[in-house]
Each structure stands twice: as structure tokens, then as C-alpha cells.
Amino acid sequence: MKKDRMWKLGLAMAFSLALAMAGCGGGGGGGDTAAANPDTDGDGIPNAVDAFPTDPTKFVNNVTVLLAGLSAGGFTAATAVNTAGAVVGFSEVTAAPAGVKAVRWTVSSVDGSASAAATLNPISGAYSAAYGVNTAGTVVGESESGAGGSIVAAFWPAGGAAATALPAGSFPGPSCAYGANNAATPQIVGEATTAGGVLRAVLWNGTTGAPVDLGSLAGATGASSAYAINDNGIVVGESETATGVTHAAAWLVSGGAKTAGPVDLGIITVADTRSIAFGVDSTGRVVGESVAQDGTTHAGLWILNPATLAPATKTDLGANGTAYAINDSNRIAGRLGTTDLATVWDTRNAALPNGAVADAVTFSQALGINNGNMMVGTSGTVTGARAFVALPR
């Protein structure tokens, strides 16, 4: 049940698509009218955060920067970004021993200038991948470990390059960490495999605590995974239901214990059969996707009651889409359309998706966003998939 979108390595390595990179145009100005009216074009996006305050069809205008990887020509993907501009993901290594390794870049929010990719080494072997980074700079993900090449949940300390396995506790099988919050002792969420081979959503309280089973909608034998956690302890992910389908789910945790959940978040549209939640902001707004029986995905937004975790509203953000991340500045990052293009939504007008990457491209996905609206993801180029950062202008 791992995140099954672009950053899964088999898909990333398969992409070799063309990307036309062109310059960015300037945003429209509001003049005296804009000063008198906080939303001149009536699109629901205040002028102060609307790059096109006189155009009701647009609200973003980004500069896109491609991030160099560890090997020339190798694929890269950026999966998360924190408020300090630390971007994490993974990069192909083409030199022997070839493989994929987690990486960290530091990107300026002013001009998009980026550091070289810093390797986040695996515990052993040639494979590691990073999926989350908190404000303090702690990176979480997965790493090869041991002579048998088992994949385990791992973390890298702020500024550090050496991976450490998160405790396995009573979960002897493969595991992965997807997100960490900004608590003084960070709470880390992911998945771990039981002795019986069942994948379960788990919580690590800090980097030394044993994983806590968050449970499943289907009970003791059902599979589940946790993908994100906010600073208030709301965890979101997916879980198998009693009928054997997968639904977006939410849990509430405090310290090292589960206090509520899992709660079934259901589907977005009546035609859908399954769903997944990928991101949550500080207020309990949850984003993900809902999937119809014919395979059509719908990007979705759930707004939860923070006390009960029950969905108060559900919003369809568009067919052929997935919403991967949401910030506290009303922005959602994801992908939309049959051509699979990086997309950003504003929660104040969710029916107005805009391109997250400045130019029309053949393929792109926005996988993460910070509170400064800096987005990261991956896009197709003539030589393969490349990590990108999109900066607001």
C-alpha cells in the first residue's frame, strides 16, 4: 500500500518524456482598483496572494527550477519541502554500484538557486529514498539494511548524511516512514509489516520509540498505511475496510499513543469505490484521491471535524487528478488531467485549478508544498524524470 504514484521507483525509471521549458510571464497589476478591492477579479483569491488579480482564470505564476541529481542523465524526484527550503527526494546513481539514493537539496525561496544534491546514504547497500522532512530538518524515508537487502524505515538527522533505522519493535518485516511533524519530540508515521505479513499504519514517537500499531478499518487482520501527520496529531492515510476495499482513513495520536481512529473518510463522488489520503494541514483539511470503478481518479479535499475526525465536507477537485499535499496558506499541490500535469488549487476557490509548473509540459506532478507556497515534484524531460521546485513570482 505504499504511495503508488510517481515517486515509486519503477514508475519513475519508466518515464522518459519531453518537457518544453520556457520563460515565465509577469503577473497582472491591480493599480488603484486593486488597493480598494481585495479581490478585483472576483475569483475568490485575495489580490495579496493572486499573481493575476485582474484575471479570474489564474492565480499563480511560478518560476520553475530543475534540480540536478547525483548522476548526469539519471532520474530524480523531489517529494517534500520544509519552510527553510530543504527539499528531499531521491536520485538515480548510474555509476557502480548503481542504484537509487535519498538526497537533500537546499533551495532559496528568493531566486530558486539550489545546492548540489547531498547524498543521504543508506544504512547498507545501494538503496535509500526520502519522503518527508520537518521544520527542524529531520528527514524520514526508507533504506536498504542488512545482508539480505531488507527495506526498513529510516531517518537522517538535520544536516546529517548517515541513515539510522527506526525501531522495528514487534514488526519484523519491511517498513517505511513517510512523514514527521514538528513536535519537540517529532511524531513519525508510516507503515510496518507484521510477522504474519500484514502491512499496518504505525506511529513512532521520536526516533527511538517502538512503532505503535494504528489499526485498520478491517480490524486486526486488515492492512493500513499512514502517510502524513500534522502538529496536532491528526494522521491520515489509507486502510482496508471490512469489505476488502481501501478507503482514506484518519487517526488521532498524542505522544506515543493512538487516541482515536481509524475513522473512515469515505469516497469523494458516488461513483468512486476506493480512496487514499496523502496530506493534512494544521486545521484538519485532508487531501488525496478517490478512485472510480473504471480507474478514473478524482483529486479530493476532505475537511474534518478536528475532535471526531468525521468529514464535515468533501470536495471533488477534478477528474484524472490526485492531491498530494496541502499547506496552511490555502494551497493544495498535486496533478490533474489526462496528460498528468502538476497542478495547484486554492481552497478559497477549489474549482479553479492552475498549472503548478510555469509552462505547459508533457508530464509533471507536484508532490509537496510548504507554507511559503514553494512546490516540489518531478517532471518529464527529454532525458528522463527530473525533480523540480516551483517558486511563486
Protein backbone atom coordinates (compact mmCIF):
# COMPACT_ATOMS: atom_id res chain seq x y z
CA MET A 1 0.00 0.00 0.00
CA LYS A 2 2.99 2.29 -0.31
CA LYS A 3 2.45 5.62 -2.03
CA ASP A 4 1.74 4.34 -5.50
CA ARG A 5 2.29 7.47 -7.57
CA MET A 6 5.23 9.00 -9.35
CA TRP A 7 7.85 8.57 -6.68
CA LYS A 8 7.56 4.79 -6.69
CA LEU A 9 10.78 3.84 -8.32
CA GLY A 10 9.55 1.53 -11.04
CA LEU A 11 7.31 4.29 -12.41
CA ALA A 12 9.97 6.97 -12.05
CA MET A 13 12.50 4.96 -14.03
CA ALA A 14 9.97 4.34 -16.80
CA PHE A 15 9.36 8.00 -17.57
CA SER A 16 11.38 9.50 -20.40
CA LEU A 17 9.19 12.31 -21.61
CA ALA A 18 9.70 15.67 -23.31
CA LEU A 19 9.39 18.89 -21.33
CA ALA A 20 9.34 22.29 -23.04
CA MET A 21 10.96 24.82 -20.71
CA ALA A 22 10.24 28.50 -21.50
CA GLY A 23 10.43 31.80 -19.64
CA CYS A 24 7.74 32.95 -17.22
CA GLY A 25 5.45 35.88 -17.91
CA GLY A 26 4.79 38.61 -15.40
CA GLY A 27 1.64 38.82 -13.32
CA GLY A 28 -1.02 41.48 -13.87
CA GLY A 29 -1.23 44.50 -11.60
CA GLY A 30 -4.25 45.78 -9.74
CA GLY A 31 -3.41 49.50 -9.54
CA ASP A 32 -5.75 51.77 -7.55
CA THR A 33 -8.67 49.41 -8.10
CA ALA A 34 -6.76 46.55 -6.50
CA ALA A 35 -5.94 48.71 -3.50
CA ALA A 36 -9.64 49.45 -2.99
CA ASN A 37 -10.82 45.91 -3.65
CA PRO A 38 -9.01 42.92 -2.07
CA ASP A 39 -10.31 40.64 -4.85
CA THR A 40 -10.50 42.69 -8.02
CA ASP A 41 -11.31 39.85 -10.42
CA GLY A 42 -13.80 38.13 -8.13
CA ASP A 43 -12.15 34.71 -8.31
CA GLY A 44 -12.11 34.29 -4.53
CA ILE A 45 -8.33 34.70 -4.28
CA PRO A 46 -7.33 37.94 -2.49
CA ASN A 47 -5.15 40.30 -4.52
CA ALA A 48 -2.35 39.97 -1.98
CA VAL A 49 -1.83 36.32 -2.95
CA ASP A 50 -3.18 36.42 -6.52
CA ALA A 51 -0.43 36.71 -9.12
CA PHE A 52 -3.09 37.67 -11.67
CA PRO A 53 -5.50 39.92 -9.72
CA THR A 54 -7.31 41.07 -12.88
CA ASP A 55 -7.63 37.62 -14.47
CA PRO A 56 -10.35 35.39 -12.93
CA THR A 57 -8.88 32.26 -14.53
CA LYS A 58 -5.40 32.46 -12.97
CA PHE A 59 -3.88 32.97 -9.55
CA VAL A 60 -0.35 31.50 -9.71
CA ASN A 61 2.76 32.49 -11.67
CA ASN A 62 5.77 30.34 -10.87
CA VAL A 63 9.43 30.17 -11.73
CA THR A 64 10.42 26.54 -12.26
CA VAL A 65 13.91 25.28 -11.38
CA LEU A 66 15.12 21.76 -12.21
CA LEU A 67 17.26 20.11 -9.55
CA ALA A 68 20.42 18.27 -10.58
CA GLY A 69 20.81 14.74 -9.28
CA LEU A 70 23.72 12.53 -8.32
CA SER A 71 24.42 11.35 -11.87
CA ALA A 72 24.17 13.15 -15.19
CA GLY A 73 21.12 11.83 -17.01
CA GLY A 74 19.78 9.92 -14.03
CA PHE A 75 16.20 10.44 -12.89
CA THR A 76 15.40 12.49 -9.79
CA ALA A 77 12.25 13.23 -7.80
CA ALA A 78 11.57 15.78 -5.06
CA THR A 79 8.95 14.56 -2.61
CA ALA A 80 8.82 17.14 0.21
CA VAL A 81 9.99 20.65 1.20
CA ASN A 82 10.10 22.36 4.59
CA THR A 83 9.76 26.04 5.49
CA ALA A 84 13.54 26.57 5.32
CA GLY A 85 13.74 25.37 1.72
CA ALA A 86 15.17 21.93 2.49
CA VAL A 87 13.99 19.71 -0.35
CA VAL A 88 14.25 15.92 -0.14
CA GLY A 89 13.65 13.07 -2.52
CA PHE A 90 15.78 10.57 -4.36
CA SER A 91 18.17 10.34 -7.29
CA GLU A 92 19.40 7.63 -9.59
CA VAL A 93 23.09 6.73 -9.32
CA THR A 94 24.40 5.40 -12.62
CA ALA A 95 28.00 4.69 -11.61
CA ALA A 96 28.83 1.34 -10.00
CA PRO A 97 27.34 0.35 -7.67
CA ALA A 98 24.30 1.65 -9.49
CA GLY A 99 21.14 2.28 -7.53
CA VAL A 100 18.88 4.93 -6.07
CA LYS A 101 19.76 7.09 -3.09
CA ALA A 102 17.92 9.61 -0.97
CA VAL A 103 19.04 13.21 -1.49
CA ARG A 104 18.65 16.63 0.07
CA TRP A 105 18.83 20.00 -1.70
CA THR A 106 18.70 23.47 -0.17
CA VAL A 107 16.74 25.91 -2.33
CA SER A 108 16.48 29.69 -1.94
CA SER A 109 12.92 31.00 -1.71
CA VAL A 110 14.13 34.26 -3.26
CA ASP A 111 15.60 33.17 -6.59
CA GLY A 112 15.39 29.37 -6.63
CA SER A 113 19.15 28.87 -6.51
CA ALA A 114 19.82 25.35 -5.31
CA SER A 115 22.68 23.49 -3.71
CA ALA A 116 24.10 20.37 -5.26
CA ALA A 117 22.29 17.19 -4.30
CA ALA A 118 23.64 15.89 -0.99
CA THR A 119 23.53 12.12 -0.66
CA LEU A 120 21.55 10.68 2.23
CA ASN A 121 23.33 7.36 2.45
CA PRO A 122 21.59 4.05 3.02
CA ILE A 123 22.29 2.01 6.12
CA SER A 124 23.86 -0.53 3.81
CA GLY A 125 23.70 -1.45 0.14
CA ALA A 126 22.79 0.96 -2.67
CA TYR A 127 19.20 1.99 -1.99
CA SER A 128 17.55 4.73 0.05
CA ALA A 129 14.70 7.18 -0.55
CA ALA A 130 13.44 10.22 1.37
CA TYR A 131 9.72 11.06 1.60
CA GLY A 132 9.38 13.68 4.33
CA VAL A 133 11.23 16.48 6.12
CA ASN A 134 10.05 18.51 9.12
CA THR A 135 10.86 22.11 10.05
CA ALA A 136 13.85 21.03 12.15
CA GLY A 137 15.34 19.28 9.11
CA THR A 138 14.83 15.67 10.22
CA VAL A 139 14.37 13.56 7.08
CA VAL A 140 12.38 10.31 7.01
CA GLY A 141 12.10 7.58 4.42
CA GLU A 142 13.37 4.09 3.79
CA SER A 143 16.72 2.37 3.36
CA GLU A 144 18.28 -0.90 2.45
CA SER A 145 19.61 -2.58 5.56
CA GLY A 146 21.43 -5.81 6.31
CA ALA A 147 22.96 -8.53 4.20
CA GLY A 148 19.59 -9.65 2.88
CA GLY A 149 18.74 -6.22 1.46
CA SER A 150 15.65 -5.72 3.60
CA ILE A 151 13.99 -2.29 3.29
CA VAL A 152 13.36 -0.55 6.60
CA ALA A 153 12.03 2.78 7.82
CA ALA A 154 14.90 5.19 8.40
CA PHE A 155 15.70 8.76 9.35
CA TRP A 156 18.52 11.20 8.73
CA PRO A 157 19.20 13.94 11.32
CA ALA A 158 19.21 17.58 10.23
CA GLY A 159 22.34 18.13 8.15
CA GLY A 160 23.40 14.51 8.51
CA ALA A 161 24.14 12.01 5.75
CA ALA A 162 24.06 8.73 7.67
CA ALA A 163 20.81 6.81 7.93
CA THR A 164 19.58 5.19 11.12
CA ALA A 165 16.86 2.56 11.16
CA LEU A 166 13.74 3.41 13.11
CA PRO A 167 12.98 0.74 15.74
CA ALA A 168 11.21 -2.36 14.42
CA GLY A 169 9.55 -3.34 17.68
CA SER A 170 7.10 -6.16 17.05
CA PHE A 171 7.15 -5.62 13.26
CA PRO A 172 9.90 -7.84 11.79
CA GLY A 173 9.05 -7.21 8.15
CA PRO A 174 9.76 -4.35 5.72
CA SER A 175 8.80 -0.83 6.84
CA CYS A 176 8.83 2.77 5.64
CA ALA A 177 8.45 6.25 7.17
CA TYR A 178 6.53 8.84 5.16
CA GLY A 179 6.06 11.91 7.34
CA ALA A 180 7.19 13.65 10.53
CA ASN A 181 5.61 16.56 12.36
CA ASN A 182 7.20 19.48 14.20
CA ALA A 183 6.58 18.39 17.80
CA ALA A 184 9.50 18.77 20.21
CA THR A 185 9.77 15.00 20.01
CA PRO A 186 8.75 14.50 16.40
CA GLN A 187 5.98 12.03 15.72
CA ILE A 188 6.77 9.92 12.65
CA VAL A 189 4.23 7.93 10.66
CA GLY A 190 4.48 5.23 8.06
CA GLU A 191 3.93 1.53 7.69
CA ALA A 192 5.45 -1.67 9.01
CA THR A 193 4.90 -5.36 8.34
CA THR A 194 3.76 -7.83 10.99
CA ALA A 195 5.16 -11.32 11.47
CA GLY A 196 2.09 -12.52 9.58
CA GLY A 197 2.92 -10.35 6.57
CA VAL A 198 0.21 -7.70 7.12
CA LEU A 199 1.13 -4.08 6.40
CA ARG A 200 -0.03 -1.73 9.18
CA ALA A 201 -0.08 2.03 9.70
CA VAL A 202 2.33 2.83 12.52
CA LEU A 203 3.49 5.73 14.69
CA TRP A 204 6.98 6.28 16.05
CA ASN A 205 7.18 8.73 18.96
CA GLY A 206 10.58 10.22 18.21
CA THR A 207 13.38 8.27 16.57
CA THR A 208 13.88 5.77 19.38
CA GLY A 209 10.38 4.67 20.33
CA ALA A 210 8.96 1.35 19.18
CA PRO A 211 6.31 1.59 16.45
CA VAL A 212 2.69 1.73 17.62
CA ASP A 213 0.09 -0.09 15.52
CA LEU A 214 -2.58 2.44 14.50
CA GLY A 215 -5.02 -0.25 13.47
CA SER A 216 -7.21 -0.83 10.46
CA LEU A 217 -10.83 -0.27 9.48
CA ALA A 218 -11.00 -4.01 8.84
CA GLY A 219 -9.79 -4.95 12.31
CA ALA A 220 -6.79 -6.96 13.42
CA THR A 221 -6.06 -8.57 10.06
CA GLY A 222 -6.66 -5.57 7.77
CA ALA A 223 -3.91 -3.65 6.03
CA SER A 224 -3.31 0.08 6.51
CA SER A 225 -0.68 2.77 5.91
CA ALA A 226 -0.12 6.29 7.30
CA TYR A 227 1.27 8.99 5.02
CA ALA A 228 1.15 12.31 6.90
CA ILE A 229 0.78 13.78 10.38
CA ASN A 230 0.14 17.37 11.46
CA ASP A 231 1.35 19.12 14.60
CA ASN A 232 -1.96 18.44 16.34
CA GLY A 233 -1.56 14.69 15.96
CA ILE A 234 -4.02 14.11 13.10
CA VAL A 235 -2.71 11.24 10.99
CA VAL A 236 -4.03 10.39 7.52
CA GLY A 237 -3.51 7.52 5.13
CA GLU A 238 -5.42 4.53 3.86
CA SER A 239 -6.94 1.40 5.32
CA GLU A 240 -8.62 -1.74 4.16
CA THR A 241 -12.30 -1.84 5.14
CA ALA A 242 -14.32 -4.82 6.33
CA THR A 243 -15.50 -5.34 2.74
CA GLY A 244 -11.93 -5.53 1.43
CA VAL A 245 -11.69 -2.15 -0.32
CA THR A 246 -9.27 0.62 0.58
CA HIS A 247 -10.57 3.92 1.98
CA ALA A 248 -8.90 7.11 3.12
CA ALA A 249 -8.56 6.99 6.88
CA ALA A 250 -7.66 9.28 9.77
CA TRP A 251 -6.32 8.70 13.27
CA LEU A 252 -5.60 10.96 16.24
CA VAL A 253 -2.44 10.44 18.29
CA SER A 254 -0.93 12.06 21.35
CA GLY A 255 2.67 11.43 22.30
CA GLY A 256 3.27 7.79 21.63
CA ALA A 257 -0.35 6.61 21.78
CA LYS A 258 -3.37 6.45 19.49
CA THR A 259 -6.32 8.28 21.00
CA ALA A 260 -8.89 7.93 18.19
CA GLY A 261 -9.43 6.16 14.90
CA PRO A 262 -9.18 4.84 12.39
CA VAL A 263 -12.07 6.87 11.01
CA ASP A 264 -13.32 6.06 7.53
CA LEU A 265 -13.21 9.23 5.39
CA GLY A 266 -15.16 7.56 2.62
CA ILE A 267 -15.14 8.38 -1.07
CA ILE A 268 -15.41 11.74 -2.84
CA THR A 269 -18.01 11.03 -5.53
CA VAL A 270 -20.81 8.46 -5.53
CA ALA A 271 -19.21 6.64 -8.47
CA ASP A 272 -15.99 6.02 -6.55
CA THR A 273 -15.10 2.73 -4.89
CA ARG A 274 -11.85 3.45 -3.02
CA SER A 275 -9.83 6.40 -1.76
CA ILE A 276 -6.48 7.42 -0.24
CA ALA A 277 -5.48 10.42 1.90
CA PHE A 278 -1.95 11.75 1.32
CA GLY A 279 -1.73 15.07 3.19
CA VAL A 280 -3.19 17.09 6.08
CA ASP A 281 -2.74 20.71 7.20
CA SER A 282 -2.78 22.11 10.73
CA THR A 283 -6.58 22.59 10.76
CA GLY A 284 -7.57 19.12 9.60
CA ARG A 285 -8.04 19.73 5.90
CA VAL A 286 -7.11 16.48 4.17
CA VAL A 287 -6.19 15.85 0.53
CA GLY A 288 -5.83 12.75 -1.57
CA GLU A 289 -7.65 10.89 -4.29
CA SER A 290 -10.82 8.89 -4.79
CA VAL A 291 -11.00 6.25 -7.49
CA ALA A 292 -13.95 5.12 -9.59
CA GLN A 293 -14.55 1.54 -10.61
CA ASP A 294 -13.24 2.26 -14.11
CA GLY A 295 -9.95 3.51 -12.62
CA THR A 296 -10.62 7.24 -13.01
CA THR A 297 -9.12 9.14 -10.09
CA HIS A 298 -10.60 12.30 -8.58
CA ALA A 299 -8.42 14.67 -6.59
CA GLY A 300 -10.21 15.21 -3.31
CA LEU A 301 -10.41 17.52 -0.30
CA TRP A 302 -11.93 16.41 2.99
CA ILE A 303 -12.48 18.93 5.82
CA LEU A 304 -12.54 17.07 9.14
CA ASN A 305 -14.06 17.83 12.48
CA PRO A 306 -10.78 18.00 14.46
CA ALA A 307 -12.41 16.44 17.54
CA THR A 308 -14.18 13.48 15.90
CA LEU A 309 -12.21 13.25 12.61
CA ALA A 310 -15.52 12.81 10.82
CA PRO A 311 -15.59 14.53 7.40
CA ALA A 312 -17.69 17.70 7.54
CA THR A 313 -17.38 18.32 3.79
CA LYS A 314 -15.93 16.58 0.77
CA THR A 315 -14.89 18.39 -2.41
CA ASP A 316 -14.13 16.92 -5.83
CA LEU A 317 -11.07 18.80 -7.15
CA GLY A 318 -11.28 17.26 -10.61
CA ALA A 319 -11.24 14.03 -12.59
CA ASN A 320 -7.94 12.43 -13.54
CA GLY A 321 -6.27 14.06 -10.57
CA THR A 322 -4.55 13.47 -7.26
CA ALA A 323 -3.95 15.96 -4.45
CA TYR A 324 -0.72 15.08 -2.66
CA ALA A 325 -0.09 17.89 -0.18
CA ILE A 326 -1.77 20.88 1.46
CA ASN A 327 -0.25 23.81 3.36
CA ASP A 328 -1.53 26.33 5.90
CA SER A 329 -1.68 29.04 3.21
CA ASN A 330 -4.76 27.56 1.48
CA ARG A 331 -2.81 25.87 -1.31
CA ILE A 332 -3.02 22.26 -2.48
CA ALA A 333 -0.40 20.59 -4.69
CA GLY A 334 -0.96 17.64 -6.97
CA ARG A 335 -1.56 16.62 -10.55
CA LEU A 336 -4.53 16.88 -12.91
CA GLY A 337 -5.61 15.92 -16.39
CA THR A 338 -5.23 13.03 -18.77
CA THR A 339 -1.77 14.35 -19.65
CA ASP A 340 -0.84 14.33 -15.93
CA LEU A 341 0.33 17.89 -15.22
CA ALA A 342 1.42 19.42 -11.92
CA THR A 343 -1.44 21.45 -10.52
CA VAL A 344 -2.15 23.82 -7.63
CA TRP A 345 -5.53 24.62 -6.11
CA ASP A 346 -6.52 27.35 -3.66
CA THR A 347 -9.05 26.22 -1.06
CA ARG A 348 -10.92 29.53 -1.43
CA ASN A 349 -11.86 28.55 -4.98
CA ALA A 350 -11.21 24.85 -5.37
CA ALA A 351 -12.93 24.85 -8.79
CA LEU A 352 -10.09 26.97 -10.20
CA PRO A 353 -7.04 24.70 -10.62
CA ASN A 354 -3.95 26.32 -12.11
CA GLY A 355 -0.78 24.87 -13.59
CA ALA A 356 1.85 24.49 -10.85
CA VAL A 357 4.74 24.49 -13.32
CA ALA A 358 5.13 27.72 -15.27
CA ASP A 359 4.89 26.20 -18.75
CA ALA A 360 2.83 23.54 -20.47
CA VAL A 361 4.75 20.28 -20.13
CA THR A 362 4.36 16.69 -21.22
CA PHE A 363 4.38 15.27 -17.71
CA SER A 364 4.70 16.65 -14.18
CA GLN A 365 3.44 16.09 -10.65
CA ALA A 366 3.62 18.41 -7.64
CA LEU A 367 4.28 16.19 -4.63
CA GLY A 368 4.93 18.67 -1.82
CA ILE A 369 4.33 22.29 -0.79
CA ASN A 370 5.50 24.43 2.13
CA ASN A 371 3.75 27.36 3.80
CA GLY A 372 5.60 29.79 1.54
CA ASN A 373 3.89 28.09 -1.46
CA MET A 374 7.17 26.62 -2.72
CA MET A 375 6.22 23.41 -4.54
CA VAL A 376 8.34 20.39 -5.38
CA GLY A 377 7.82 17.39 -7.58
CA THR A 378 9.01 15.67 -10.69
CA SER A 379 8.56 16.29 -14.40
CA GLY A 380 9.45 14.68 -17.69
CA THR A 381 12.40 15.91 -19.72
CA VAL A 382 13.94 14.59 -22.91
CA THR A 383 16.41 12.59 -20.81
CA GLY A 384 14.09 11.33 -18.10
CA ALA A 385 12.22 12.38 -14.96
CA ARG A 386 13.70 15.40 -13.14
CA ALA A 387 12.97 16.90 -9.74
CA PHE A 388 11.70 20.47 -9.82
CA VAL A 389 10.99 23.37 -7.50
CA ALA A 390 8.26 25.86 -8.45
CA LEU A 391 8.61 29.28 -6.81
CA PRO A 392 5.82 31.91 -6.68
CA ARG A 393 6.59 35.12 -8.56
